[in-house]
Amino acid sequence: MTEAYMPWLQEYLKDMGIDEIVVKTAENEEELDKAVCRHSTTVVLFSSPTCPACAAYRPIFYTYAYKALKKYGEKKVGFYEADVYNMLEKAWELGISATPTTIIFKKCKPVDGIIGLVDEEYLAELVEKHLEK
């Protein structure tokens, strides 16, 4: 995640009663490949530093990630953010044409996703239907 967003995001999360950032950053394609195989379900937010919708979506994604990890645990689900500029080949391979894009991986493979900004309720529905399987 772009460091410029960190202070603002940390302050927002603190105001929401969230004391830790649980979303991890995948800095490159190799880290992302390892990340999507680390958990039975992995949710990745693909963003870019110049994307206003990403900045608006980030608090929703990070808040939901915190709640989901508390509910399901880290073995069952993991949350990551990846800058598409750091992994253009992977973004191309996954068909990412706009940011933000959220992709859900199960057993290392993409199984679902959304393009654009969604509310926390929609994100929860999308993720949790894959956690139930």
C-alpha atoms as a PDB file:
ATOM      1  CA  MET A   1       0.000   0.000   0.000  1.00  0.00           C
ATOM      2  CA  THR A   2       1.159   3.506  -0.715  1.00  0.00           C
ATOM      3  CA  GLU A   3       2.796   4.904   2.403  1.00  0.00           C
ATOM      4  CA  ALA A   4       1.083   8.276   1.919  1.00  0.00           C
ATOM      5  CA  TYR A   5      -2.231   6.653   2.870  1.00  0.00           C
ATOM      6  CA  MET A   6      -0.981   5.006   6.036  1.00  0.00           C
ATOM      7  CA  PRO A   7      -1.398   7.860   8.566  1.00  0.00           C
ATOM      8  CA  TRP A   8      -4.859   8.739   7.300  1.00  0.00           C
ATOM      9  CA  LEU A   9      -5.951   5.106   7.173  1.00  0.00           C
ATOM     10  CA  GLN A  10      -4.531   4.319  10.613  1.00  0.00           C
ATOM     11  CA  GLU A  11      -6.396   7.296  12.084  1.00  0.00           C
ATOM     12  CA  TYR A  12      -9.633   6.223  10.400  1.00  0.00           C
ATOM     13  CA  LEU A  13      -9.301   2.643  11.645  1.00  0.00           C
ATOM     14  CA  LYS A  14      -8.496   3.848  15.147  1.00  0.00           C
ATOM     15  CA  ASP A  15     -11.686   5.946  15.089  1.00  0.00           C
ATOM     16  CA  MET A  16     -13.554   2.752  14.110  1.00  0.00           C
ATOM     17  CA  GLY A  17     -12.103   0.932  17.135  1.00  0.00           C
ATOM     18  CA  ILE A  18      -9.591  -1.043  15.076  1.00  0.00           C
ATOM     19  CA  ASP A  19      -6.162  -1.006  16.670  1.00  0.00           C
ATOM     20  CA  GLU A  20      -4.181  -2.956  14.084  1.00  0.00           C
ATOM     21  CA  ILE A  21      -3.873  -3.186  10.325  1.00  0.00           C
ATOM     22  CA  VAL A  22      -4.378  -6.828   9.381  1.00  0.00           C
ATOM     23  CA  VAL A  23      -4.153  -6.445   5.613  1.00  0.00           C
ATOM     24  CA  LYS A  24      -0.708  -7.436   4.443  1.00  0.00           C
ATOM     25  CA  THR A  25       1.046  -5.985   1.404  1.00  0.00           C
ATOM     26  CA  ALA A  26       2.233  -8.127  -1.489  1.00  0.00           C
ATOM     27  CA  GLU A  27       5.109  -6.085  -2.918  1.00  0.00           C
ATOM     28  CA  ASN A  28       5.719  -8.182  -6.047  1.00  0.00           C
ATOM     29  CA  GLU A  29       4.421 -11.136  -8.032  1.00  0.00           C
ATOM     30  CA  GLU A  30       6.452 -13.669  -6.067  1.00  0.00           C
ATOM     31  CA  GLU A  31       5.036 -12.441  -2.747  1.00  0.00           C
ATOM     32  CA  LEU A  32       1.532 -12.465  -4.194  1.00  0.00           C
ATOM     33  CA  ASP A  33       1.900 -16.039  -5.471  1.00  0.00           C
ATOM     34  CA  LYS A  34       2.952 -17.164  -1.986  1.00  0.00           C
ATOM     35  CA  ALA A  35       0.206 -15.131  -0.316  1.00  0.00           C
ATOM     36  CA  VAL A  36      -2.674 -16.634  -2.307  1.00  0.00           C
ATOM     37  CA  CYS A  37      -1.550 -20.132  -1.306  1.00  0.00           C
ATOM     38  CA  ARG A  38      -0.966 -19.343   2.379  1.00  0.00           C
ATOM     39  CA  HIS A  39      -4.652 -19.447   3.420  1.00  0.00           C
ATOM     40  CA  SER A  40      -7.575 -21.596   2.335  1.00  0.00           C
ATOM     41  CA  THR A  41      -9.215 -18.374   1.089  1.00  0.00           C
ATOM     42  CA  THR A  42      -7.257 -15.236   0.229  1.00  0.00           C
ATOM     43  CA  VAL A  43      -8.779 -11.874  -0.644  1.00  0.00           C
ATOM     44  CA  VAL A  44      -6.589  -9.455  -2.585  1.00  0.00           C
ATOM     45  CA  LEU A  45      -7.278  -5.792  -3.231  1.00  0.00           C
ATOM     46  CA  PHE A  46      -5.483  -4.704  -6.385  1.00  0.00           C
ATOM     47  CA  SER A  47      -5.017  -0.958  -6.272  1.00  0.00           C
ATOM     48  CA  SER A  48      -2.902   1.835  -7.689  1.00  0.00           C
ATOM     49  CA  PRO A  49      -1.497   4.913  -5.970  1.00  0.00           C
ATOM     50  CA  THR A  50      -3.256   7.351  -8.319  1.00  0.00           C
ATOM     51  CA  CYS A  51      -6.713   5.786  -7.971  1.00  0.00           C
ATOM     52  CA  PRO A  52      -9.263   7.923  -6.062  1.00  0.00           C
ATOM     53  CA  ALA A  53     -11.727   5.024  -5.861  1.00  0.00           C
ATOM     54  CA  CYS A  54      -8.981   2.895  -4.256  1.00  0.00           C
ATOM     55  CA  ALA A  55      -8.497   5.539  -1.565  1.00  0.00           C
ATOM     56  CA  ALA A  56     -12.248   5.551  -0.919  1.00  0.00           C
ATOM     57  CA  TYR A  57     -12.490   1.728  -0.888  1.00  0.00           C
ATOM     58  CA  ARG A  58      -9.423   1.054   1.249  1.00  0.00           C
ATOM     59  CA  PRO A  59     -11.135   1.872   4.620  1.00  0.00           C
ATOM     60  CA  ILE A  60     -14.038  -0.438   3.710  1.00  0.00           C
ATOM     61  CA  PHE A  61     -11.708  -3.276   2.726  1.00  0.00           C
ATOM     62  CA  TYR A  62      -9.450  -2.872   5.771  1.00  0.00           C
ATOM     63  CA  THR A  63     -12.374  -2.637   8.196  1.00  0.00           C
ATOM     64  CA  TYR A  64     -13.995  -5.758   6.790  1.00  0.00           C
ATOM     65  CA  ALA A  65     -10.660  -7.605   6.806  1.00  0.00           C
ATOM     66  CA  TYR A  66     -10.255  -6.894  10.518  1.00  0.00           C
ATOM     67  CA  LYS A  67     -13.769  -8.158  11.297  1.00  0.00           C
ATOM     68  CA  ALA A  68     -13.423 -11.262   9.121  1.00  0.00           C
ATOM     69  CA  LEU A  69     -10.095 -12.259  10.641  1.00  0.00           C
ATOM     70  CA  LYS A  70     -11.536 -11.912  14.138  1.00  0.00           C
ATOM     71  CA  LYS A  71     -14.480 -14.102  13.122  1.00  0.00           C
ATOM     72  CA  TYR A  72     -12.797 -16.763  10.941  1.00  0.00           C
ATOM     73  CA  GLY A  73      -9.115 -16.729  11.874  1.00  0.00           C
ATOM     74  CA  GLU A  74      -5.962 -16.382   9.807  1.00  0.00           C
ATOM     75  CA  LYS A  75      -5.821 -20.048   8.757  1.00  0.00           C
ATOM     76  CA  LYS A  76      -9.167 -19.754   7.029  1.00  0.00           C
ATOM     77  CA  VAL A  77      -8.794 -16.350   5.371  1.00  0.00           C
ATOM     78  CA  GLY A  78      -6.090 -13.835   4.578  1.00  0.00           C
ATOM     79  CA  PHE A  79      -6.263 -10.286   3.227  1.00  0.00           C
ATOM     80  CA  TYR A  80      -3.673  -8.581   1.045  1.00  0.00           C
ATOM     81  CA  GLU A  81      -3.245  -5.424  -0.970  1.00  0.00           C
ATOM     82  CA  ALA A  82      -1.176  -5.329  -4.142  1.00  0.00           C
ATOM     83  CA  ASP A  83      -0.165  -2.327  -6.241  1.00  0.00           C
ATOM     84  CA  VAL A  84      -0.821  -3.229  -9.883  1.00  0.00           C
ATOM     85  CA  TYR A  85       2.108  -1.052 -10.956  1.00  0.00           C
ATOM     86  CA  ASN A  86       4.414  -3.485  -9.129  1.00  0.00           C
ATOM     87  CA  MET A  87       2.987  -6.536 -10.896  1.00  0.00           C
ATOM     88  CA  LEU A  88       1.811  -5.659 -14.367  1.00  0.00           C
ATOM     89  CA  GLU A  89       2.214  -9.188 -15.734  1.00  0.00           C
ATOM     90  CA  LYS A  90       0.141 -10.677 -12.901  1.00  0.00           C
ATOM     91  CA  ALA A  91      -2.527  -7.992 -13.350  1.00  0.00           C
ATOM     92  CA  TRP A  92      -2.668  -8.813 -17.065  1.00  0.00           C
ATOM     93  CA  GLU A  93      -2.828 -12.554 -16.328  1.00  0.00           C
ATOM     94  CA  LEU A  94      -5.747 -11.997 -13.911  1.00  0.00           C
ATOM     95  CA  GLY A  95      -7.595  -9.743 -16.346  1.00  0.00           C
ATOM     96  CA  ILE A  96      -7.402  -6.658 -14.168  1.00  0.00           C
ATOM     97  CA  SER A  97      -8.384  -3.687 -16.296  1.00  0.00           C
ATOM     98  CA  ALA A  98      -9.344  -1.181 -13.596  1.00  0.00           C
ATOM     99  CA  THR A  99      -8.687  -0.437  -9.959  1.00  0.00           C
ATOM    100  CA  PRO A 100      -9.805  -1.154  -7.382  1.00  0.00           C
ATOM    101  CA  THR A 101     -10.292  -4.819  -8.215  1.00  0.00           C
ATOM    102  CA  THR A 102     -10.841  -7.374  -5.463  1.00  0.00           C
ATOM    103  CA  ILE A 103     -10.114 -11.015  -6.284  1.00  0.00           C
ATOM    104  CA  ILE A 104     -10.834 -14.023  -4.090  1.00  0.00           C
ATOM    105  CA  PHE A 105      -8.469 -16.988  -4.324  1.00  0.00           C
ATOM    106  CA  LYS A 106      -9.123 -20.519  -3.085  1.00  0.00           C
ATOM    107  CA  LYS A 107      -6.359 -23.103  -3.149  1.00  0.00           C
ATOM    108  CA  CYS A 108      -4.101 -20.682  -5.058  1.00  0.00           C
ATOM    109  CA  LYS A 109      -6.619 -20.081  -7.869  1.00  0.00           C
ATOM    110  CA  PRO A 110      -8.848 -17.047  -8.523  1.00  0.00           C
ATOM    111  CA  VAL A 111     -12.507 -18.002  -8.027  1.00  0.00           C
ATOM    112  CA  ASP A 112     -14.408 -14.712  -7.810  1.00  0.00           C
ATOM    113  CA  GLY A 113     -13.961 -10.993  -7.836  1.00  0.00           C
ATOM    114  CA  ILE A 114     -15.363  -7.530  -8.265  1.00  0.00           C
ATOM    115  CA  ILE A 115     -14.243  -4.426 -10.062  1.00  0.00           C
ATOM    116  CA  GLY A 116     -14.784  -1.100  -8.369  1.00  0.00           C
ATOM    117  CA  LEU A 117     -15.882   0.220  -5.046  1.00  0.00           C
ATOM    118  CA  VAL A 118     -18.461  -1.742  -3.020  1.00  0.00           C
ATOM    119  CA  ASP A 119     -19.835  -1.349   0.480  1.00  0.00           C
ATOM    120  CA  GLU A 120     -18.805  -3.556   3.384  1.00  0.00           C
ATOM    121  CA  GLU A 121     -22.022  -5.587   3.286  1.00  0.00           C
ATOM    122  CA  TYR A 122     -21.512  -6.550  -0.358  1.00  0.00           C
ATOM    123  CA  LEU A 123     -17.849  -7.361   0.238  1.00  0.00           C
ATOM    124  CA  ALA A 124     -18.808  -9.558   3.201  1.00  0.00           C
ATOM    125  CA  GLU A 125     -21.397 -11.452   1.125  1.00  0.00           C
ATOM    126  CA  LEU A 126     -18.882 -12.020  -1.648  1.00  0.00           C
ATOM    127  CA  VAL A 127     -16.129 -13.275   0.648  1.00  0.00           C
ATOM    128  CA  GLU A 128     -18.243 -15.284   3.064  1.00  0.00           C
ATOM    129  CA  LYS A 129     -19.940 -17.374   0.402  1.00  0.00           C
ATOM    130  CA  HIS A 130     -16.455 -18.746  -0.332  1.00  0.00           C
ATOM    131  CA  LEU A 131     -15.653 -19.284   3.329  1.00  0.00           C
ATOM    132  CA  GLU A 132     -18.723 -21.477   3.732  1.00  0.00           C
ATOM    133  CA  LYS A 133     -17.580 -23.947   1.057  1.00  0.00           C
END
